């Protein structure tokens, strides 16, 4: 969504909750994916996504300037942090979910899923700050300005976090013999 269109819809949604639907339709899939990558549980990701949009709808009048998307991802990040604080970090995936991913797939597709899981598990070995920077920038497609808003930081600081995290992740991948990361991390 173009920044001008986002700003127009955000202003409209402040006085007309029905206008919030267009923002929801635009950002719900990426917020869900952002949360799902952090909690690895479909039901929990759905619940947290719902809570994020409920909170955003209730507090949209308080948004002053900045990107709606950056603000929304800040709410989503805080929701995940609150979840971990209240329940402890428990990443679980059900066998049924694993079956859905591989059901009816060829062995090559299953191997590809295994390779993606290996790359994502290497991502988990990075320090939290590096992991968050990479996920926000490369997987969630956030600009450094949006990252700065979402993390209460500066664009320059976010740029450096992405740079350092990319360098650290490249070294980790090289140690594990993975040469072409885009073969494993591209969106399905």
C-alpha atoms as a PDB file:
ATOM      1  CA  UNK A   1       0.000   0.000   0.000  1.00  0.00           C
ATOM      2  CA  UNK A   2       1.306   3.439  -0.908  1.00  0.00           C
ATOM      3  CA  UNK A   3       2.123   5.705   2.066  1.00  0.00           C
ATOM      4  CA  UNK A   4      -0.368   8.343   0.903  1.00  0.00           C
ATOM      5  CA  UNK A   5      -3.177   5.783   0.695  1.00  0.00           C
ATOM      6  CA  UNK A   6      -2.244   4.378   4.106  1.00  0.00           C
ATOM      7  CA  UNK A   7      -2.264   7.870   5.648  1.00  0.00           C
ATOM      8  CA  UNK A   8      -5.656   8.648   4.083  1.00  0.00           C
ATOM      9  CA  UNK A   9      -7.187   5.382   5.332  1.00  0.00           C
ATOM     10  CA  UNK A  10      -5.666   5.846   8.786  1.00  0.00           C
ATOM     11  CA  UNK A  11      -7.187   9.327   9.132  1.00  0.00           C
ATOM     12  CA  UNK A  12     -10.538   8.050   7.864  1.00  0.00           C
ATOM     13  CA  UNK A  13     -10.448   5.096  10.307  1.00  0.00           C
ATOM     14  CA  UNK A  14     -10.028   7.498  13.244  1.00  0.00           C
ATOM     15  CA  UNK A  15     -13.588   8.707  12.778  1.00  0.00           C
ATOM     16  CA  UNK A  16     -15.135   5.778  10.908  1.00  0.00           C
ATOM     17  CA  UNK A  17     -14.456   2.299  12.342  1.00  0.00           C
ATOM     18  CA  UNK A  18     -15.846   0.809   9.121  1.00  0.00           C
ATOM     19  CA  UNK A  19     -12.896   2.300   7.230  1.00  0.00           C
ATOM     20  CA  UNK A  20     -10.573   0.277   9.447  1.00  0.00           C
ATOM     21  CA  UNK A  21     -11.552  -2.778   7.374  1.00  0.00           C
ATOM     22  CA  UNK A  22      -9.355  -1.748   4.447  1.00  0.00           C
ATOM     23  CA  UNK A  23      -6.342  -1.457   6.754  1.00  0.00           C
ATOM     24  CA  UNK A  24      -7.206  -4.816   8.296  1.00  0.00           C
ATOM     25  CA  UNK A  25      -7.484  -6.466   4.876  1.00  0.00           C
ATOM     26  CA  UNK A  26      -4.125  -5.026   3.808  1.00  0.00           C
ATOM     27  CA  UNK A  27      -2.093  -5.835   6.916  1.00  0.00           C
ATOM     28  CA  UNK A  28      -3.717  -8.858   8.550  1.00  0.00           C
ATOM     29  CA  UNK A  29      -1.767 -11.460   6.517  1.00  0.00           C
ATOM     30  CA  UNK A  30       1.615  -9.863   7.259  1.00  0.00           C
ATOM     31  CA  UNK A  31       0.825  -9.336  10.955  1.00  0.00           C
ATOM     32  CA  UNK A  32      -0.300 -12.957  11.223  1.00  0.00           C
ATOM     33  CA  UNK A  33       2.913 -14.145   9.513  1.00  0.00           C
ATOM     34  CA  UNK A  34       5.006 -11.899  11.783  1.00  0.00           C
ATOM     35  CA  UNK A  35       3.382 -13.395  14.884  1.00  0.00           C
ATOM     36  CA  UNK A  36       3.359 -16.963  13.555  1.00  0.00           C
ATOM     37  CA  UNK A  37       7.133 -16.861  13.003  1.00  0.00           C
ATOM     38  CA  UNK A  38       7.553 -15.954  16.655  1.00  0.00           C
ATOM     39  CA  UNK A  39       5.118 -18.312  18.343  1.00  0.00           C
ATOM     40  CA  UNK A  40       5.041 -21.299  15.912  1.00  0.00           C
ATOM     41  CA  UNK A  41       1.494 -22.167  16.915  1.00  0.00           C
ATOM     42  CA  UNK A  42      -1.422 -21.515  14.571  1.00  0.00           C
ATOM     43  CA  UNK A  43      -4.148 -21.061  17.179  1.00  0.00           C
ATOM     44  CA  UNK A  44      -2.020 -18.753  19.323  1.00  0.00           C
ATOM     45  CA  UNK A  45      -0.969 -16.719  16.267  1.00  0.00           C
ATOM     46  CA  UNK A  46      -4.619 -16.318  15.273  1.00  0.00           C
ATOM     47  CA  UNK A  47      -5.576 -15.216  18.793  1.00  0.00           C
ATOM     48  CA  UNK A  48      -2.715 -12.735  19.053  1.00  0.00           C
ATOM     49  CA  UNK A  49      -3.431 -11.340  15.583  1.00  0.00           C
ATOM     50  CA  UNK A  50      -7.025 -10.776  16.596  1.00  0.00           C
ATOM     51  CA  UNK A  51      -5.899  -9.033  19.788  1.00  0.00           C
ATOM     52  CA  UNK A  52      -3.509  -6.797  17.840  1.00  0.00           C
ATOM     53  CA  UNK A  53      -6.227  -5.557  15.503  1.00  0.00           C
ATOM     54  CA  UNK A  54      -8.692  -5.135  18.341  1.00  0.00           C
ATOM     55  CA  UNK A  55      -6.186  -2.991  20.226  1.00  0.00           C
ATOM     56  CA  UNK A  56      -5.324  -1.034  17.075  1.00  0.00           C
ATOM     57  CA  UNK A  57      -8.989  -0.308  16.400  1.00  0.00           C
ATOM     58  CA  UNK A  58      -9.547   0.856  19.977  1.00  0.00           C
ATOM     59  CA  UNK A  59      -6.481   3.102  20.043  1.00  0.00           C
ATOM     60  CA  UNK A  60      -6.190   4.349  16.452  1.00  0.00           C
ATOM     61  CA  UNK A  61      -7.231   7.841  17.522  1.00  0.00           C
ATOM     62  CA  UNK A  62      -3.984   8.097  19.509  1.00  0.00           C
ATOM     63  CA  UNK A  63      -1.817   7.507  16.411  1.00  0.00           C
ATOM     64  CA  UNK A  64      -0.108  10.772  15.567  1.00  0.00           C
ATOM     65  CA  UNK A  65       2.095  10.732  12.473  1.00  0.00           C
ATOM     66  CA  UNK A  66       4.319   7.885  11.400  1.00  0.00           C
ATOM     67  CA  UNK A  67       3.352   4.785   9.531  1.00  0.00           C
ATOM     68  CA  UNK A  68       0.240   2.824  10.475  1.00  0.00           C
ATOM     69  CA  UNK A  69       2.133  -0.335   9.495  1.00  0.00           C
ATOM     70  CA  UNK A  70       5.063   0.459  11.809  1.00  0.00           C
ATOM     71  CA  UNK A  71       2.667   1.265  14.652  1.00  0.00           C
ATOM     72  CA  UNK A  72       0.723  -1.948  14.020  1.00  0.00           C
ATOM     73  CA  UNK A  73       3.887  -4.058  14.086  1.00  0.00           C
ATOM     74  CA  UNK A  74       4.896  -2.403  17.342  1.00  0.00           C
ATOM     75  CA  UNK A  75       1.576  -3.532  18.827  1.00  0.00           C
ATOM     76  CA  UNK A  76       2.166  -7.031  17.398  1.00  0.00           C
ATOM     77  CA  UNK A  77       5.698  -7.221  18.821  1.00  0.00           C
ATOM     78  CA  UNK A  78       4.440  -6.152  22.223  1.00  0.00           C
ATOM     79  CA  UNK A  79       1.649  -8.757  22.067  1.00  0.00           C
ATOM     80  CA  UNK A  80       4.215 -11.506  21.450  1.00  0.00           C
ATOM     81  CA  UNK A  81       6.431 -10.233  24.273  1.00  0.00           C
ATOM     82  CA  UNK A  82       3.449 -10.120  26.629  1.00  0.00           C
ATOM     83  CA  UNK A  83       2.525 -13.680  25.630  1.00  0.00           C
ATOM     84  CA  UNK A  84       6.022 -14.964  26.385  1.00  0.00           C
ATOM     85  CA  UNK A  85       6.113 -13.133  29.691  1.00  0.00           C
ATOM     86  CA  UNK A  86       2.786 -14.555  30.782  1.00  0.00           C
ATOM     87  CA  UNK A  87       3.260 -18.137  29.574  1.00  0.00           C
ATOM     88  CA  UNK A  88       6.990 -18.620  29.142  1.00  0.00           C
ATOM     89  CA  UNK A  89       8.528 -19.390  25.778  1.00  0.00           C
ATOM     90  CA  UNK A  90       6.932 -22.569  24.507  1.00  0.00           C
ATOM     91  CA  UNK A  91       7.197 -23.059  20.764  1.00  0.00           C
ATOM     92  CA  UNK A  92       5.222 -26.044  19.712  1.00  0.00           C
ATOM     93  CA  UNK A  93       3.892 -27.322  16.446  1.00  0.00           C
ATOM     94  CA  UNK A  94       1.352 -30.082  16.342  1.00  0.00           C
ATOM     95  CA  UNK A  95       1.872 -33.252  14.354  1.00  0.00           C
ATOM     96  CA  UNK A  96      -1.313 -32.405  12.494  1.00  0.00           C
ATOM     97  CA  UNK A  97       0.234 -29.117  11.302  1.00  0.00           C
ATOM     98  CA  UNK A  98       3.355 -30.952  10.165  1.00  0.00           C
ATOM     99  CA  UNK A  99       1.156 -33.418   8.296  1.00  0.00           C
ATOM    100  CA  UNK A 100      -0.636 -30.556   6.533  1.00  0.00           C
ATOM    101  CA  UNK A 101       2.673 -29.219   5.272  1.00  0.00           C
ATOM    102  CA  UNK A 102       3.866 -32.524   3.831  1.00  0.00           C
ATOM    103  CA  UNK A 103       0.607 -34.366   3.047  1.00  0.00           C
ATOM    104  CA  UNK A 104       0.615 -35.476  -0.559  1.00  0.00           C
ATOM    105  CA  UNK A 105       3.976 -33.876  -1.353  1.00  0.00           C
ATOM    106  CA  UNK A 106       6.838 -35.521  -3.149  1.00  0.00           C
ATOM    107  CA  UNK A 107      10.005 -36.402  -1.270  1.00  0.00           C
ATOM    108  CA  UNK A 108      11.695 -33.402  -2.951  1.00  0.00           C
ATOM    109  CA  UNK A 109       9.069 -31.062  -1.484  1.00  0.00           C
ATOM    110  CA  UNK A 110       9.478 -32.688   1.935  1.00  0.00           C
ATOM    111  CA  UNK A 111      13.252 -32.187   1.670  1.00  0.00           C
ATOM    112  CA  UNK A 112      12.669 -28.531   0.780  1.00  0.00           C
ATOM    113  CA  UNK A 113      10.498 -28.125   3.880  1.00  0.00           C
ATOM    114  CA  UNK A 114      13.224 -29.785   5.960  1.00  0.00           C
ATOM    115  CA  UNK A 115      15.818 -27.386   4.523  1.00  0.00           C
ATOM    116  CA  UNK A 116      13.641 -24.359   5.279  1.00  0.00           C
ATOM    117  CA  UNK A 117      13.180 -25.603   8.829  1.00  0.00           C
ATOM    118  CA  UNK A 118      16.974 -26.003   9.139  1.00  0.00           C
ATOM    119  CA  UNK A 119      17.536 -22.415   7.965  1.00  0.00           C
ATOM    120  CA  UNK A 120      14.872 -21.084  10.311  1.00  0.00           C
ATOM    121  CA  UNK A 121      16.390 -23.038  13.207  1.00  0.00           C
ATOM    122  CA  UNK A 122      19.741 -21.399  12.433  1.00  0.00           C
ATOM    123  CA  UNK A 123      17.975 -18.055  12.593  1.00  0.00           C
ATOM    124  CA  UNK A 124      16.916 -18.997  16.133  1.00  0.00           C
ATOM    125  CA  UNK A 125      20.602 -19.354  17.072  1.00  0.00           C
ATOM    126  CA  UNK A 126      21.198 -15.648  16.502  1.00  0.00           C
ATOM    127  CA  UNK A 127      20.868 -13.202  19.385  1.00  0.00           C
ATOM    128  CA  UNK A 128      17.308 -11.888  19.750  1.00  0.00           C
ATOM    129  CA  UNK A 129      18.181  -8.430  18.398  1.00  0.00           C
ATOM    130  CA  UNK A 130      19.753  -9.866  15.235  1.00  0.00           C
ATOM    131  CA  UNK A 131      16.892 -12.287  14.681  1.00  0.00           C
ATOM    132  CA  UNK A 132      14.273  -9.580  15.125  1.00  0.00           C
ATOM    133  CA  UNK A 133      16.075  -7.224  12.734  1.00  0.00           C
ATOM    134  CA  UNK A 134      16.319  -9.879  10.011  1.00  0.00           C
ATOM    135  CA  UNK A 135      12.728 -11.022  10.365  1.00  0.00           C
ATOM    136  CA  UNK A 136      11.316  -7.503  10.382  1.00  0.00           C
ATOM    137  CA  UNK A 137      13.369  -6.342   7.410  1.00  0.00           C
ATOM    138  CA  UNK A 138      13.591  -9.375   5.135  1.00  0.00           C
ATOM    139  CA  UNK A 139      10.630 -11.578   6.006  1.00  0.00           C
ATOM    140  CA  UNK A 140       8.125  -8.899   6.999  1.00  0.00           C
ATOM    141  CA  UNK A 141       9.398  -6.430   4.406  1.00  0.00           C
ATOM    142  CA  UNK A 142       9.603  -3.475   6.769  1.00  0.00           C
ATOM    143  CA  UNK A 143      11.682  -0.444   5.826  1.00  0.00           C
ATOM    144  CA  UNK A 144      14.238   0.829   8.314  1.00  0.00           C
ATOM    145  CA  UNK A 145      11.912   3.774   9.016  1.00  0.00           C
ATOM    146  CA  UNK A 146       9.066   1.385   9.879  1.00  0.00           C
ATOM    147  CA  UNK A 147      11.430  -0.713  11.980  1.00  0.00           C
ATOM    148  CA  UNK A 148      12.522   2.430  13.840  1.00  0.00           C
ATOM    149  CA  UNK A 149       8.923   3.291  14.641  1.00  0.00           C
ATOM    150  CA  UNK A 150       8.106  -0.267  15.706  1.00  0.00           C
ATOM    151  CA  UNK A 151      11.131  -0.532  17.992  1.00  0.00           C
ATOM    152  CA  UNK A 152      11.380   3.038  19.314  1.00  0.00           C
ATOM    153  CA  UNK A 153      14.770   3.409  17.665  1.00  0.00           C
ATOM    154  CA  UNK A 154      16.327   5.520  14.913  1.00  0.00           C
ATOM    155  CA  UNK A 155      16.504   4.572  11.229  1.00  0.00           C
ATOM    156  CA  UNK A 156      20.325   4.646  11.370  1.00  0.00           C
ATOM    157  CA  UNK A 157      20.354   2.298  14.359  1.00  0.00           C
ATOM    158  CA  UNK A 158      17.965  -0.070  12.573  1.00  0.00           C
ATOM    159  CA  UNK A 159      20.088   0.007   9.426  1.00  0.00           C
ATOM    160  CA  UNK A 160      23.136  -0.979  11.458  1.00  0.00           C
ATOM    161  CA  UNK A 161      21.193  -3.745  13.223  1.00  0.00           C
ATOM    162  CA  UNK A 162      20.158  -5.184   9.857  1.00  0.00           C
ATOM    163  CA  UNK A 163      23.705  -4.900   8.520  1.00  0.00           C
ATOM    164  CA  UNK A 164      25.279  -6.604  11.541  1.00  0.00           C
ATOM    165  CA  UNK A 165      22.562  -9.257  11.704  1.00  0.00           C
ATOM    166  CA  UNK A 166      22.937 -10.045   7.992  1.00  0.00           C
ATOM    167  CA  UNK A 167      26.680 -10.426   8.388  1.00  0.00           C
ATOM    168  CA  UNK A 168      26.298 -12.689  11.454  1.00  0.00           C
ATOM    169  CA  UNK A 169      23.638 -14.814   9.745  1.00  0.00           C
ATOM    170  CA  UNK A 170      25.749 -15.179   6.580  1.00  0.00           C
ATOM    171  CA  UNK A 171      28.645 -16.445   8.692  1.00  0.00           C
ATOM    172  CA  UNK A 172      26.364 -18.907  10.483  1.00  0.00           C
ATOM    173  CA  UNK A 173      24.941 -20.181   7.188  1.00  0.00           C
ATOM    174  CA  UNK A 174      28.432 -20.598   5.758  1.00  0.00           C
ATOM    175  CA  UNK A 175      29.460 -22.640   8.801  1.00  0.00           C
ATOM    176  CA  UNK A 176      26.574 -24.993   8.017  1.00  0.00           C
ATOM    177  CA  UNK A 177      27.326 -25.236   4.288  1.00  0.00           C
ATOM    178  CA  UNK A 178      24.276 -23.294   3.080  1.00  0.00           C
ATOM    179  CA  UNK A 179      25.197 -21.199   0.058  1.00  0.00           C
ATOM    180  CA  UNK A 180      21.917 -19.877  -1.385  1.00  0.00           C
ATOM    181  CA  UNK A 181      19.613 -18.698   1.384  1.00  0.00           C
ATOM    182  CA  UNK A 182      16.917 -17.507  -1.037  1.00  0.00           C
ATOM    183  CA  UNK A 183      16.350 -21.141  -2.068  1.00  0.00           C
ATOM    184  CA  UNK A 184      15.077 -21.819   1.447  1.00  0.00           C
ATOM    185  CA  UNK A 185      13.539 -18.625   2.753  1.00  0.00           C
ATOM    186  CA  UNK A 186      11.411 -17.366  -0.120  1.00  0.00           C
ATOM    187  CA  UNK A 187       7.724 -17.055   0.614  1.00  0.00           C
ATOM    188  CA  UNK A 188       5.527 -19.906  -0.582  1.00  0.00           C
END
